[in-house]
Structure formats: structure tokens, C-alpha cells
Protein backbone atom coordinates (compact mmCIF):
# COMPACT_ATOMS: atom_id res chain seq x y z
CA UNK A 1 -9.71 -24.25 41.63
CA UNK A 2 -5.73 -23.66 41.89
CA UNK A 3 -3.22 -24.70 39.38
CA UNK A 4 -1.88 -27.71 41.27
CA UNK A 5 -5.63 -28.89 41.04
CA UNK A 6 -6.32 -28.04 37.19
CA UNK A 7 -7.16 -30.87 34.58
CA UNK A 8 -3.50 -32.18 33.32
CA UNK A 9 -4.94 -31.13 29.73
CA UNK A 10 -6.05 -27.82 30.73
CA UNK A 11 -4.39 -24.95 27.79
CA UNK A 12 -3.59 -22.13 30.20
CA UNK A 13 -3.26 -24.66 34.12
CA UNK A 14 -0.92 -21.19 35.55
CA UNK A 15 -4.41 -19.28 34.90
CA UNK A 16 -6.78 -21.87 36.42
CA UNK A 17 -6.81 -20.00 40.05
CA UNK A 18 -7.39 -16.37 38.30
CA UNK A 19 -10.61 -14.40 38.76
CA UNK A 20 -13.18 -14.83 35.55
CA UNK A 21 -12.63 -11.36 33.85
CA UNK A 22 -15.37 -10.96 31.99
CA UNK A 23 -15.42 -10.63 27.98
CA UNK A 24 -16.15 -7.42 26.81
CA UNK A 25 -18.64 -6.82 23.22
CA UNK A 26 -16.26 -6.21 20.32
CA UNK A 27 -17.23 -2.64 18.37
CA UNK A 28 -18.12 -3.27 14.69
CA UNK A 29 -14.72 -2.01 13.68
CA UNK A 30 -12.74 -5.55 14.75
CA UNK A 31 -15.50 -7.81 14.02
CA UNK A 32 -14.21 -10.45 10.97
CA UNK A 33 -16.12 -13.00 9.33
CA UNK A 34 -15.84 -16.31 9.49
CA UNK A 35 -12.61 -18.03 6.75
CA UNK A 36 -14.42 -19.30 3.62
CA UNK A 37 -12.90 -19.27 0.96
CA UNK A 38 -10.91 -21.17 -1.34
CA UNK A 39 -7.25 -20.11 -0.74
CA UNK A 40 -8.07 -20.22 3.07
CA UNK A 41 -8.68 -24.19 2.62
CA UNK A 42 -5.43 -24.68 0.39
CA UNK A 43 -3.00 -22.67 3.00
CA UNK A 44 -4.81 -24.73 5.85
CA UNK A 45 -4.00 -28.48 3.78
CA UNK A 46 -0.45 -27.45 3.41
CA UNK A 47 0.10 -26.40 6.81
CA UNK A 48 -1.27 -29.72 8.16
CA UNK A 49 0.78 -31.94 5.41
CA UNK A 50 3.59 -30.99 6.92
CA UNK A 51 2.61 -31.40 10.38
CA UNK A 52 3.11 -27.36 11.17
CA UNK A 53 1.89 -25.05 13.51
CA UNK A 54 0.77 -21.25 12.81
CA UNK A 55 0.74 -18.31 15.42
CA UNK A 56 -2.70 -17.75 13.07
CA UNK A 57 -4.14 -20.62 14.79
CA UNK A 58 -2.38 -21.40 18.15
CA UNK A 59 -2.75 -17.05 19.14
CA UNK A 60 -6.16 -17.28 17.62
CA UNK A 61 -5.25 -14.11 15.10
CA UNK A 62 -8.33 -12.42 14.01
CA UNK A 63 -7.14 -11.95 10.97
CA UNK A 64 -6.29 -15.56 9.76
CA UNK A 65 -9.50 -16.04 7.26
CA UNK A 66 -8.07 -13.21 5.30
CA UNK A 67 -4.33 -14.24 5.46
CA UNK A 68 -4.45 -17.63 4.56
CA UNK A 69 -7.21 -17.07 1.57
CA UNK A 70 -4.36 -14.77 -0.02
CA UNK A 71 -1.94 -18.52 1.04
CA UNK A 72 -0.01 -16.00 3.81
CA UNK A 73 0.73 -18.27 6.82
CA UNK A 74 3.06 -17.55 10.00
CA UNK A 75 5.30 -20.24 10.60
CA UNK A 76 5.22 -21.21 14.48
CA UNK A 77 8.02 -23.48 15.16
CA UNK A 78 9.51 -25.13 18.18
CA UNK A 79 6.89 -26.72 19.45
CA UNK A 80 3.04 -25.43 20.26
CA UNK A 81 4.15 -25.45 24.38
CA UNK A 82 5.54 -22.04 25.39
CA UNK A 83 7.50 -21.76 29.06
CA UNK A 84 6.14 -18.27 29.76
CA UNK A 85 3.16 -17.85 30.88
CA UNK A 86 2.17 -13.67 29.34
CA UNK A 87 -1.18 -12.55 31.08
CA UNK A 88 -2.74 -11.79 27.42
CA UNK A 89 -1.79 -14.57 25.44
CA UNK A 90 -3.27 -17.67 24.35
CA UNK A 91 -0.85 -19.88 23.17
CA UNK A 92 -0.52 -23.09 25.65
CA UNK A 93 2.23 -22.96 28.89
CA UNK A 94 3.83 -26.16 29.89
CA UNK A 95 6.87 -28.23 29.18
CA UNK A 96 7.29 -27.90 25.56
CA UNK A 97 8.41 -31.30 23.73
CA UNK A 98 12.15 -31.65 22.49
CA UNK A 99 12.70 -29.81 18.95
CA UNK A 100 12.17 -31.38 15.77
CA UNK A 101 15.24 -31.64 13.29
CA UNK A 102 13.44 -32.41 10.48
CA UNK A 103 11.02 -28.98 11.58
CA UNK A 104 13.12 -26.65 9.05
CA UNK A 105 12.92 -28.65 6.37
CA UNK A 106 9.07 -28.93 6.85
CA UNK A 107 8.66 -25.22 6.71
CA UNK A 108 10.77 -24.57 3.72
CA UNK A 109 9.03 -27.27 2.25
CA UNK A 110 5.79 -25.81 2.95
CA UNK A 111 7.28 -21.99 2.21
CA UNK A 112 8.19 -23.33 -1.56
CA UNK A 113 4.48 -24.96 -1.55
CA UNK A 114 2.80 -21.98 -1.06
CA UNK A 115 5.26 -19.96 -2.97
CA UNK A 116 5.55 -17.54 -0.20
CA UNK A 117 6.92 -13.80 -1.81
CA UNK A 118 7.51 -13.36 2.48
CA UNK A 119 7.66 -15.56 5.12
CA UNK A 120 7.24 -14.60 8.57
CA UNK A 121 8.56 -17.53 11.60
CA UNK A 122 7.94 -16.74 14.80
CA UNK A 123 8.19 -18.94 17.83
CA UNK A 124 7.36 -19.73 21.45
CA UNK A 125 9.90 -19.30 24.09
CA UNK A 126 11.90 -21.97 24.92
CA UNK A 127 13.82 -21.37 28.20
CA UNK A 128 14.35 -24.60 28.39
CA UNK A 129 17.09 -24.49 25.66
CA UNK A 130 20.51 -23.36 26.48
CA UNK A 131 20.40 -20.70 23.26
CA UNK A 132 16.44 -20.14 23.50
CA UNK A 133 16.51 -21.80 20.31
CA UNK A 134 18.36 -19.54 18.60
CA UNK A 135 20.41 -22.19 16.54
CA UNK A 136 16.70 -23.69 15.46
CA UNK A 137 15.75 -20.58 14.04
CA UNK A 138 18.86 -20.12 12.27
CA UNK A 139 18.52 -23.48 10.71
CA UNK A 140 15.01 -22.36 9.31
CA UNK A 141 16.31 -19.32 7.55
CA UNK A 142 18.89 -21.43 6.08
CA UNK A 143 16.74 -24.17 5.16
CA UNK A 144 14.29 -21.64 3.58
CA UNK A 145 16.70 -20.24 1.53
CA UNK A 146 18.09 -23.17 -0.26
CA UNK A 147 14.43 -24.50 -0.93
CA UNK A 148 12.98 -20.79 -1.79
CA UNK A 149 15.70 -18.64 -2.11
CA UNK A 150 13.04 -16.30 -4.02
CA UNK A 151 11.60 -15.72 -0.34
CA UNK A 152 12.37 -12.87 1.97
CA UNK A 153 12.21 -13.77 5.24
CA UNK A 154 11.12 -12.33 9.19
CA UNK A 155 12.00 -13.36 12.50
CA UNK A 156 9.99 -12.67 15.21
CA UNK A 157 11.68 -14.17 17.88
CA UNK A 158 11.48 -14.59 21.75
CA UNK A 159 13.63 -12.26 23.74
CA UNK A 160 16.46 -14.81 24.46
CA UNK A 161 16.46 -13.32 28.13
CA UNK A 162 19.97 -14.93 29.90
CA UNK A 163 21.09 -16.33 26.99
CA UNK A 164 24.45 -15.44 25.59
CA UNK A 165 25.09 -15.93 21.91
CA UNK A 166 22.15 -16.26 20.94
CA UNK A 167 20.88 -13.38 19.63
CA UNK A 168 24.14 -13.18 17.46
CA UNK A 169 23.33 -16.55 16.29
CA UNK A 170 20.28 -15.86 14.46
CA UNK A 171 21.25 -12.08 13.32
CA UNK A 172 24.26 -14.50 11.43
CA UNK A 173 21.84 -16.10 9.52
CA UNK A 174 20.57 -12.66 7.44
CA UNK A 175 16.88 -12.88 7.93
CA UNK A 176 15.35 -9.41 6.04
CA UNK A 177 13.99 -8.30 9.18
CA UNK A 178 14.09 -9.00 12.63
CA UNK A 179 10.90 -8.56 14.77
CA UNK A 180 10.84 -8.89 18.42
CA UNK A 181 7.78 -7.18 20.21
CA UNK A 182 8.01 -4.71 23.13
CA UNK A 183 4.58 -5.78 23.62
CA UNK A 184 2.82 -3.17 26.14
CA UNK A 185 4.31 0.13 28.16
CA UNK A 186 6.72 -0.59 30.86
CA UNK A 187 4.11 -0.23 33.65
CA UNK A 188 2.58 -2.97 32.41
CA UNK A 189 5.12 -5.64 32.40
CA UNK A 190 4.68 -7.14 36.08
CA UNK A 191 1.21 -8.01 35.15
CA UNK A 192 1.05 -8.55 32.06
CA UNK A 193 4.47 -9.87 30.74
CA UNK A 194 5.89 -10.86 33.99
CA UNK A 195 8.85 -13.05 32.72
CA UNK A 196 10.13 -10.55 30.51
CA UNK A 197 12.04 -7.59 30.85
CA UNK A 198 10.70 -4.43 28.99
CA UNK A 199 14.31 -3.08 28.99
CA UNK A 200 15.75 -6.10 27.63
CA UNK A 201 13.67 -6.73 24.64
CA UNK A 202 14.52 -2.67 23.81
CA UNK A 203 18.73 -3.29 24.00
CA UNK A 204 17.89 -6.65 21.88
CA UNK A 205 16.84 -4.53 19.17
CA UNK A 206 19.67 -2.10 19.65
CA UNK A 207 21.89 -4.75 19.14
CA UNK A 208 20.58 -6.00 16.22
CA UNK A 209 21.47 -2.48 14.33
CA UNK A 210 24.96 -3.02 16.11
CA UNK A 211 26.19 -6.67 15.02
CA UNK A 212 24.19 -5.55 11.27
CA UNK A 213 23.26 -1.61 10.93
CA UNK A 214 21.81 -2.98 7.15
CA UNK A 215 18.86 -5.26 8.51
CA UNK A 216 15.24 -4.02 8.87
CA UNK A 217 13.85 -3.99 13.01
CA UNK A 218 10.22 -4.46 13.65
CA UNK A 219 8.21 -4.30 16.91
CA UNK A 220 5.40 -3.97 17.95
CA UNK A 221 2.69 -3.56 21.03
CA UNK A 222 -0.94 -3.83 21.81
CA UNK A 223 -3.13 -1.08 23.06
CA UNK A 224 -6.36 -1.44 24.88
CA UNK A 225 -4.59 -2.69 28.74
CA UNK A 226 -5.03 0.16 30.56
CA UNK A 227 -2.15 1.92 28.93
CA UNK A 228 -2.05 5.52 28.52
CA UNK A 229 -1.43 7.39 25.07
CA UNK A 230 1.49 9.35 27.00
CA UNK A 231 3.10 6.18 27.92
CA UNK A 232 2.46 4.62 24.02
CA UNK A 233 4.49 7.77 22.87
CA UNK A 234 6.99 7.48 25.85
CA UNK A 235 7.72 3.69 24.14
CA UNK A 236 7.60 5.35 20.38
CA UNK A 237 10.53 7.19 21.97
CA UNK A 238 12.58 4.26 23.76
CA UNK A 239 12.24 2.23 20.05
CA UNK A 240 13.34 5.01 18.24
CA UNK A 241 16.46 5.59 20.63
CA UNK A 242 17.52 1.94 19.77
CA UNK A 243 16.71 2.56 15.69
CA UNK A 244 13.78 0.29 15.80
CA UNK A 245 12.57 0.75 12.01
CA UNK A 246 8.74 -0.51 11.68
CA UNK A 247 5.85 0.00 14.57
CA UNK A 248 3.26 -2.13 14.48
CA UNK A 249 0.07 -1.32 17.18
CA UNK A 250 -3.23 -3.57 17.53
CA UNK A 251 -6.05 -3.26 19.96
CA UNK A 252 -5.21 -6.51 22.18
CA UNK A 253 -8.76 -8.93 22.02
CA UNK A 254 -9.21 -11.08 25.79
CA UNK A 255 -8.77 -15.21 24.50
CA UNK A 256 -10.37 -16.20 27.39
CA UNK A 257 -11.83 -14.93 30.53
CA UNK A 258 -8.84 -15.93 32.42
CA UNK A 259 -6.48 -13.50 30.51
CA UNK A 260 -5.80 -10.04 30.60
CA UNK A 261 -8.95 -7.97 30.13
CA UNK A 262 -9.83 -5.30 27.55
CA UNK A 263 -9.84 -2.11 29.39
CA UNK A 264 -10.75 -0.26 26.06
CA UNK A 265 -11.63 -0.20 22.83
CA UNK A 266 -9.66 2.26 20.81
CA UNK A 267 -11.58 4.07 17.69
CA UNK A 268 -10.01 3.77 14.44
CA UNK A 269 -9.29 7.89 14.74
CA UNK A 270 -7.49 7.30 17.91
CA UNK A 271 -5.21 4.46 16.47
CA UNK A 272 -4.71 6.96 12.69
CA UNK A 273 -3.55 9.92 15.77
CA UNK A 274 -0.99 7.24 17.10
CA UNK A 275 0.58 6.05 13.60
CA UNK A 276 0.54 10.27 12.66
CA UNK A 277 2.45 10.75 15.85
CA UNK A 278 4.33 7.87 15.39
CA UNK A 279 6.09 9.27 11.69
CA UNK A 280 6.91 12.63 12.70
CA UNK A 281 9.55 10.42 15.29
CA UNK A 282 11.39 8.94 12.22
CA UNK A 283 10.03 5.57 11.98
CA UNK A 284 10.51 4.08 8.16
CA UNK A 285 7.04 2.30 8.61
CA UNK A 286 4.28 2.30 10.99
CA UNK A 287 1.02 -0.16 10.82
CA UNK A 288 -1.70 0.91 13.54
CA UNK A 289 -5.33 0.15 13.30
CA UNK A 290 -7.79 -2.23 15.37
CA UNK A 291 -7.03 -5.49 13.20
CA UNK A 292 -3.19 -4.64 12.84
CA UNK A 293 -0.86 -7.19 14.13
CA UNK A 294 2.88 -8.39 13.69
CA UNK A 295 2.78 -10.57 10.80
CA UNK A 296 -0.62 -8.87 8.99
CA UNK A 297 -0.11 -7.94 5.73
CA UNK A 298 3.80 -8.30 6.40
CA UNK A 299 4.66 -8.62 2.77
CA UNK A 300 3.16 -6.00 1.46
CA UNK A 301 4.44 -3.35 4.17
CA UNK A 302 7.89 -5.41 3.71
CA UNK A 303 7.96 -4.06 0.01
CA UNK A 304 7.39 -0.54 1.77
CA UNK A 305 9.56 -0.28 4.24
CA UNK A 306 12.46 -1.42 1.76
CA UNK A 307 11.41 1.47 -0.45
CA UNK A 308 10.61 4.53 2.65
CA UNK A 309 14.56 3.33 2.81
CA UNK A 310 15.47 3.87 -0.48
CA UNK A 311 13.63 6.98 -0.39
CA UNK A 312 15.62 8.44 2.48
CA UNK A 313 19.03 7.65 1.43
CA UNK A 314 18.32 8.75 -1.85
């Protein structure tokens, strides 16, 4: 089957022509229980009531049960359809709908209802928009500030490739944490993240610090996709050269047979070694474990990040 002959409702039409990559059996250390708690169902209800999307659902995050049981959810704005076709991602690809002008207010209402101390706002890539959706992200930040000023705000943004002035709009809205993931080592970009450019993403993170040196920056990668340990260490060095404060490293999990295969399941001990190495390179905060994701324990991590800066400046 080719992408041209794929059913119109196929979630990943651009991947239909690819050969199947059999999913490897998960080791015991990354198996999670199905969600069932009262807190999970309450969070789910609030999300549905406001007609919102979450990356927890769209990307098939393994931590959804734990996070939602604690009232934590990562809001995914600007629709459920991405203009990119990364081989690791389970978010649907295609032509997105028009932006919902009421979405920033809906997100703010949900944040207030869930009484979130720390909220993570992410989005699909919107290459179809002149500013890549930067103004919509900024409006969402401002709406949360008005509705629930007690929340600290973290944004996980697209790369705004060829979108002049977009980054500046988001930084001007003053999120507490600016996150943009490098996702993998540069040598794997052509097959894993073909629509992106490694050094553009690195420069984006560096530019945030130039615009606002006080803003925390964060980035993450997945491992188990075929990278080497030395390549991971080089990414750490590259991030530190861009003055990134917070590094996350997690195990890549294959969403479907059409996605990039898992080459290796990294052991918890190897993740521990990555964490120790990263701290020696100067990161203020490091989260490295099989189940680590960009927004996993984001609220607790932000408090530790802020404390680490105060300790370093003291």
C-alpha cells in the first residue's frame, strides 16, 4: 500500500508504504499499570469537558495513569494534526484545521479547575501558519496568567523553522520554562526527524537565553534508536554550549509497526550513568530514566530546578 492509496482516515498516511518493524517485547522496568484511579478519571473529565487535547493521549505516553491521577496533564494546543512526519511520533499527520480562537481561554479554565501549580503547554507543528503558531502559544500563556496566576508555566514548542520573529513572541510572553526537544542525536535526524534541523533547534535554545537570560531552558532526547553513548555525550555538550539548564533522557517506545524500530532497551543502570555524566557537564537539573518524558514530574522538577539555581547563585 502507498500513501496515495491509503484509507483517508489513516492516522499516519505518510508511513503506510513503510515496511513493518516488529515491536520488541518491553522489559519489566518499563511496564506500567493501566490507569484506574479516581484522580485519573477526574482529570480526564475536565479535559473532555473543555474539549481539549493532551499530548498524554495523542502521543500515547506510558505515564498517563500516574500523571492524571495526580491532576497533571500536558495540554496540546493548535489541534491534533501535525504538519510534520517524524518517524518516532504517534501524533496524527495531515492538514490541520484552523486555530480555535477560544482555545487559550479553554486551557486557562481547565488549569484553574484542576488547580495546577505547574502547567505544561505543548503543540503540534504548524508549518502552515505564518508564525508557526507562536502568537497562539503566547495568548495561551497570557490567558493562564490572568485566570490562574498561581500557576508556573512551561512551554514545549515547535522549532519555528523559517518563522522569523516567532520565537521572540513566545519569549516575550514570559513562560517560566522554555522547552524545545532535540529528540535524538544529529546523525539520526534524516530518518527520525526529517523535517527538522539539529543545529537550528540548538540555536533556538541558545537564542532564548540571549533574549531572556533569566528564563529556564530545557531540552530532551530519546535513546534506544540506534545512537551511541558518545553521541549522547556530544549532544549534552552541545546543549551546554547553548546554556540549556535542564536535560531529560527517556527510552524511545515504538508506537506502531510503521514507526522507527526500537534498536535497544537501555537499562536503568545506563540511564543512571547518563545522569551522572550530565551533571558533571553543568546541567542544573537532569531527569534520565526509562520512563522519563519531557513533562513527566514537571512540577516537582521545576521546583528543584529553581532551588538548584538559587544554590548555585548563593
